């Protein structure tokens, strides 16, 4: 699978929790964040959400 870079801002608390999870699972923060995004998108699609009809934040 080809990958590309994505930069995002998260709260200090979220970053800390991600760092702890990465250490505990021997996974990179990048791997865990990518997995979380992929699962969120799959769930959104499964629930039938209309992403084209959403307003941007």
PDB file of N, CA and C in Angstrom:
ATOM      1  N   UNK A   1       0.844  -1.180   0.000  1.00  0.00           N
ATOM      2  CA  UNK A   1       0.000   0.000   0.000  1.00  0.00           C
ATOM      3  C   UNK A   1       0.887   1.241   0.000  1.00  0.00           C
ATOM      4  N   UNK A   2       0.600   2.146  -0.878  1.00  0.00           N
ATOM      5  CA  UNK A   2       1.339   3.402  -0.936  1.00  0.00           C
ATOM      6  C   UNK A   2       0.850   4.315   0.180  1.00  0.00           C
ATOM      7  N   UNK A   3       1.755   5.061   0.750  1.00  0.00           N
ATOM      8  CA  UNK A   3       1.361   5.960   1.831  1.00  0.00           C
ATOM      9  C   UNK A   3       1.774   7.383   1.491  1.00  0.00           C
ATOM     10  N   UNK A   4       1.173   8.320   2.188  1.00  0.00           N
ATOM     11  CA  UNK A   4       1.535   9.721   2.060  1.00  0.00           C
ATOM     12  C   UNK A   4       1.491  10.359   3.443  1.00  0.00           C
ATOM     13  N   UNK A   5       2.064  11.524   3.549  1.00  0.00           N
ATOM     14  CA  UNK A   5       2.203  12.198   4.838  1.00  0.00           C
ATOM     15  C   UNK A   5       0.962  13.030   5.139  1.00  0.00           C
ATOM     16  N   UNK A   6       0.531  12.980   6.401  1.00  0.00           N
ATOM     17  CA  UNK A   6      -0.580  13.786   6.902  1.00  0.00           C
ATOM     18  C   UNK A   6      -0.146  14.381   8.231  1.00  0.00           C
ATOM     19  N   UNK A   7      -0.293  15.673   8.376  1.00  0.00           N
ATOM     20  CA  UNK A   7       0.043  16.344   9.625  1.00  0.00           C
ATOM     21  C   UNK A   7      -1.249  16.827  10.266  1.00  0.00           C
ATOM     22  N   UNK A   8      -1.399  16.595  11.568  1.00  0.00           N
ATOM     23  CA  UNK A   8      -2.592  17.053  12.250  1.00  0.00           C
ATOM     24  C   UNK A   8      -2.263  17.500  13.663  1.00  0.00           C
ATOM     25  N   UNK A   9      -3.155  18.278  14.218  1.00  0.00           N
ATOM     26  CA  UNK A   9      -2.998  18.766  15.584  1.00  0.00           C
ATOM     27  C   UNK A   9      -3.943  17.991  16.491  1.00  0.00           C
ATOM     28  N   UNK A  10      -3.422  17.608  17.650  1.00  0.00           N
ATOM     29  CA  UNK A  10      -4.223  16.938  18.667  1.00  0.00           C
ATOM     30  C   UNK A  10      -3.917  17.602  20.002  1.00  0.00           C
ATOM     31  N   UNK A  11      -4.773  17.360  20.958  1.00  0.00           N
ATOM     32  CA  UNK A  11      -4.533  17.923  22.285  1.00  0.00           C
ATOM     33  C   UNK A  11      -3.310  17.262  22.913  1.00  0.00           C
ATOM     34  N   UNK A  12      -2.751  17.928  23.899  1.00  0.00           N
ATOM     35  CA  UNK A  12      -1.596  17.375  24.613  1.00  0.00           C
ATOM     36  C   UNK A  12      -1.975  16.053  25.271  1.00  0.00           C
ATOM     37  N   UNK A  13      -3.194  15.969  25.772  1.00  0.00           N
ATOM     38  CA  UNK A  13      -3.663  14.741  26.412  1.00  0.00           C
ATOM     39  C   UNK A  13      -3.721  13.595  25.405  1.00  0.00           C
ATOM     40  N   UNK A  14      -4.268  13.853  24.221  1.00  0.00           N
ATOM     41  CA  UNK A  14      -4.349  12.821  23.186  1.00  0.00           C
ATOM     42  C   UNK A  14      -2.957  12.369  22.759  1.00  0.00           C
ATOM     43  N   UNK A  15      -2.052  13.321  22.613  1.00  0.00           N
ATOM     44  CA  UNK A  15      -0.679  12.977  22.230  1.00  0.00           C
ATOM     45  C   UNK A  15      -0.031  12.086  23.288  1.00  0.00           C
ATOM     46  N   UNK A  16      -0.207  12.444  24.540  1.00  0.00           N
ATOM     47  CA  UNK A  16       0.356  11.661  25.634  1.00  0.00           C
ATOM     48  C   UNK A  16      -0.219  10.249  25.659  1.00  0.00           C
ATOM     49  N   UNK A  17      -1.520  10.143  25.480  1.00  0.00           N
ATOM     50  CA  UNK A  17      -2.161   8.830  25.470  1.00  0.00           C
ATOM     51  C   UNK A  17      -1.676   7.992  24.290  1.00  0.00           C
ATOM     52  N   UNK A  18      -1.494   8.631  23.153  1.00  0.00           N
ATOM     53  CA  UNK A  18      -0.989   7.934  21.974  1.00  0.00           C
ATOM     54  C   UNK A  18       0.436   7.446  22.201  1.00  0.00           C
ATOM     55  N   UNK A  19       1.259   8.275  22.811  1.00  0.00           N
ATOM     56  CA  UNK A  19       2.639   7.880  23.113  1.00  0.00           C
ATOM     57  C   UNK A  19       2.678   6.678  24.059  1.00  0.00           C
ATOM     58  N   UNK A  20       1.819   6.682  25.074  1.00  0.00           N
ATOM     59  CA  UNK A  20       1.762   5.560  26.014  1.00  0.00           C
ATOM     60  C   UNK A  20       1.284   4.288  25.325  1.00  0.00           C
ATOM     61  N   UNK A  21       0.275   4.412  24.477  1.00  0.00           N
ATOM     62  CA  UNK A  21      -0.231   3.255  23.758  1.00  0.00           C
ATOM     63  C   UNK A  21       0.823   2.703  22.797  1.00  0.00           C
ATOM     64  N   UNK A  22       1.528   3.587  22.124  1.00  0.00           N
ATOM     65  CA  UNK A  22       2.584   3.157  21.205  1.00  0.00           C
ATOM     66  C   UNK A  22       3.676   2.391  21.945  1.00  0.00           C
ATOM     67  N   UNK A  23       4.068   2.887  23.086  1.00  0.00           N
ATOM     68  CA  UNK A  23       5.095   2.213  23.883  1.00  0.00           C
ATOM     69  C   UNK A  23       4.602   0.857  24.382  1.00  0.00           C
ATOM     70  N   UNK A  24       3.372   0.810  24.832  1.00  0.00           N
ATOM     71  CA  UNK A  24       2.819  -0.423  25.393  1.00  0.00           C
ATOM     72  C   UNK A  24       2.608  -1.506  24.339  1.00  0.00           C
ATOM     73  N   UNK A  25       2.373  -1.101  23.091  1.00  0.00           N
ATOM     74  CA  UNK A  25       2.072  -2.065  22.030  1.00  0.00           C
ATOM     75  C   UNK A  25       3.235  -2.279  21.072  1.00  0.00           C
ATOM     76  N   UNK A  26       4.343  -1.572  21.317  1.00  0.00           N
ATOM     77  CA  UNK A  26       5.502  -1.633  20.408  1.00  0.00           C
ATOM     78  C   UNK A  26       5.124  -1.288  18.972  1.00  0.00           C
ATOM     79  N   UNK A  27       4.232  -0.327  18.829  1.00  0.00           N
ATOM     80  CA  UNK A  27       3.814   0.187  17.522  1.00  0.00           C
ATOM     81  C   UNK A  27       4.183   1.655  17.459  1.00  0.00           C
ATOM     82  N   UNK A  28       4.330   2.172  16.265  1.00  0.00           N
ATOM     83  CA  UNK A  28       4.633   3.594  16.128  1.00  0.00           C
ATOM     84  C   UNK A  28       3.356   4.417  16.304  1.00  0.00           C
ATOM     85  N   UNK A  29       3.536   5.669  16.685  1.00  0.00           N
ATOM     86  CA  UNK A  29       2.388   6.574  16.792  1.00  0.00           C
ATOM     87  C   UNK A  29       1.715   6.707  15.435  1.00  0.00           C
ATOM     88  N   UNK A  30       2.512   6.743  14.386  1.00  0.00           N
ATOM     89  CA  UNK A  30       1.981   6.861  13.032  1.00  0.00           C
ATOM     90  C   UNK A  30       1.107   5.665  12.674  1.00  0.00           C
ATOM     91  N   UNK A  31       1.576   4.461  13.003  1.00  0.00           N
ATOM     92  CA  UNK A  31       0.800   3.252  12.730  1.00  0.00           C
ATOM     93  C   UNK A  31      -0.544   3.306  13.448  1.00  0.00           C
ATOM     94  N   UNK A  32      -0.524   3.638  14.729  1.00  0.00           N
ATOM     95  CA  UNK A  32      -1.752   3.665  15.515  1.00  0.00           C
ATOM     96  C   UNK A  32      -2.725   4.734  15.015  1.00  0.00           C
ATOM     97  N   UNK A  33      -2.204   5.896  14.661  1.00  0.00           N
ATOM     98  CA  UNK A  33      -3.070   6.969  14.157  1.00  0.00           C
ATOM     99  C   UNK A  33      -3.688   6.574  12.815  1.00  0.00           C
ATOM    100  N   UNK A  34      -2.904   5.966  11.948  1.00  0.00           N
ATOM    101  CA  UNK A  34      -3.419   5.536  10.646  1.00  0.00           C
ATOM    102  C   UNK A  34      -4.500   4.472  10.832  1.00  0.00           C
ATOM    103  N   UNK A  35      -4.270   3.515  11.726  1.00  0.00           N
ATOM    104  CA  UNK A  35      -5.269   2.481  12.013  1.00  0.00           C
ATOM    105  C   UNK A  35      -6.559   3.105  12.521  1.00  0.00           C
ATOM    106  N   UNK A  36      -6.443   4.055  13.427  1.00  0.00           N
ATOM    107  CA  UNK A  36      -7.629   4.702  13.994  1.00  0.00           C
ATOM    108  C   UNK A  36      -8.416   5.441  12.911  1.00  0.00           C
ATOM    109  N   UNK A  37      -7.717   6.143  12.036  1.00  0.00           N
ATOM    110  CA  UNK A  37      -8.398   6.866  10.957  1.00  0.00           C
ATOM    111  C   UNK A  37      -9.083   5.900   9.996  1.00  0.00           C
ATOM    112  N   UNK A  38      -8.401   4.828   9.642  1.00  0.00           N
ATOM    113  CA  UNK A  38      -8.993   3.845   8.734  1.00  0.00           C
ATOM    114  C   UNK A  38     -10.244   3.227   9.341  1.00  0.00           C
ATOM    115  N   UNK A  39     -10.195   2.890  10.620  1.00  0.00           N
ATOM    116  CA  UNK A  39     -11.369   2.301  11.286  1.00  0.00           C
ATOM    117  C   UNK A  39     -12.521   3.296  11.366  1.00  0.00           C
ATOM    118  N   UNK A  40     -12.192   4.564  11.640  1.00  0.00           N
ATOM    119  CA  UNK A  40     -13.231   5.599  11.703  1.00  0.00           C
ATOM    120  C   UNK A  40     -13.920   5.739  10.352  1.00  0.00           C
ATOM    121  N   UNK A  41     -13.137   5.767   9.289  1.00  0.00           N
ATOM    122  CA  UNK A  41     -13.697   5.918   7.950  1.00  0.00           C
ATOM    123  C   UNK A  41     -14.547   4.703   7.586  1.00  0.00           C
ATOM    124  N   UNK A  42     -14.080   3.498   7.918  1.00  0.00           N
ATOM    125  CA  UNK A  42     -14.859   2.281   7.662  1.00  0.00           C
ATOM    126  C   UNK A  42     -16.187   2.310   8.422  1.00  0.00           C
ATOM    127  N   UNK A  43     -16.148   2.712   9.678  1.00  0.00           N
ATOM    128  CA  UNK A  43     -17.365   2.788  10.482  1.00  0.00           C
ATOM    129  C   UNK A  43     -18.326   3.819   9.911  1.00  0.00           C
ATOM    130  N   UNK A  44     -17.804   4.959   9.521  1.00  0.00           N
ATOM    131  CA  UNK A  44     -18.618   6.015   8.943  1.00  0.00           C
ATOM    132  C   UNK A  44     -19.313   5.514   7.678  1.00  0.00           C
ATOM    133  N   UNK A  45     -18.569   4.800   6.853  1.00  0.00           N
ATOM    134  CA  UNK A  45     -19.121   4.253   5.615  1.00  0.00           C
ATOM    135  C   UNK A  45     -20.178   3.190   5.927  1.00  0.00           C
ATOM    136  N   UNK A  46     -19.899   2.326   6.903  1.00  0.00           N
ATOM    137  CA  UNK A  46     -20.835   1.263   7.270  1.00  0.00           C
ATOM    138  C   UNK A  46     -22.150   1.818   7.810  1.00  0.00           C
ATOM    139  N   UNK A  47     -22.073   2.961   8.481  1.00  0.00           N
ATOM    140  CA  UNK A  47     -23.276   3.581   9.030  1.00  0.00           C
ATOM    141  C   UNK A  47     -24.054   4.358   7.980  1.00  0.00           C
ATOM    142  N   UNK A  48     -23.499   4.421   6.764  1.00  0.00           N
ATOM    143  CA  UNK A  48     -24.198   5.078   5.668  1.00  0.00           C
ATOM    144  C   UNK A  48     -24.146   6.581   5.713  1.00  0.00           C
ATOM    145  N   UNK A  49     -23.142   7.132   6.358  1.00  0.00           N
ATOM    146  CA  UNK A  49     -23.024   8.582   6.428  1.00  0.00           C
ATOM    147  C   UNK A  49     -22.727   9.152   5.052  1.00  0.00           C
ATOM    148  N   UNK A  50     -23.301  10.289   4.782  1.00  0.00           N
ATOM    149  CA  UNK A  50     -23.095  10.973   3.505  1.00  0.00           C
ATOM    150  C   UNK A  50     -22.029  12.027   3.689  1.00  0.00           C
ATOM    151  N   UNK A  51     -20.778  11.647   3.484  1.00  0.00           N
ATOM    152  CA  UNK A  51     -19.677  12.573   3.735  1.00  0.00           C
ATOM    153  C   UNK A  51     -19.690  13.766   2.789  1.00  0.00           C
ATOM    154  N   UNK A  52     -20.287  13.608   1.607  1.00  0.00           N
ATOM    155  CA  UNK A  52     -20.337  14.731   0.679  1.00  0.00           C
ATOM    156  C   UNK A  52     -21.330  15.790   1.125  1.00  0.00           C
ATOM    157  N   UNK A  53     -22.287  15.406   1.943  1.00  0.00           N
ATOM    158  CA  UNK A  53     -23.288  16.341   2.408  1.00  0.00           C
ATOM    159  C   UNK A  53     -22.914  17.061   3.679  1.00  0.00           C
ATOM    160  N   UNK A  54     -21.751  16.755   4.220  1.00  0.00           N
ATOM    161  CA  UNK A  54     -21.326  17.368   5.480  1.00  0.00           C
ATOM    162  C   UNK A  54     -20.670  18.711   5.241  1.00  0.00           C
ATOM    163  N   UNK A  55     -20.868  19.586   6.201  1.00  0.00           N
ATOM    164  CA  UNK A  55     -20.184  20.868   6.167  1.00  0.00           C
ATOM    165  C   UNK A  55     -18.812  20.694   6.787  1.00  0.00           C
ATOM    166  N   UNK A  56     -17.851  21.443   6.279  1.00  0.00           N
ATOM    167  CA  UNK A  56     -16.508  21.396   6.859  1.00  0.00           C
ATOM    168  C   UNK A  56     -16.487  22.181   8.155  1.00  0.00           C
ATOM    169  N   UNK A  57     -15.653  21.724   9.085  1.00  0.00           N
ATOM    170  CA  UNK A  57     -15.513  22.412  10.362  1.00  0.00           C
ATOM    171  C   UNK A  57     -14.593  23.596  10.242  1.00  0.00           C
TER     172      UNK A  57
END
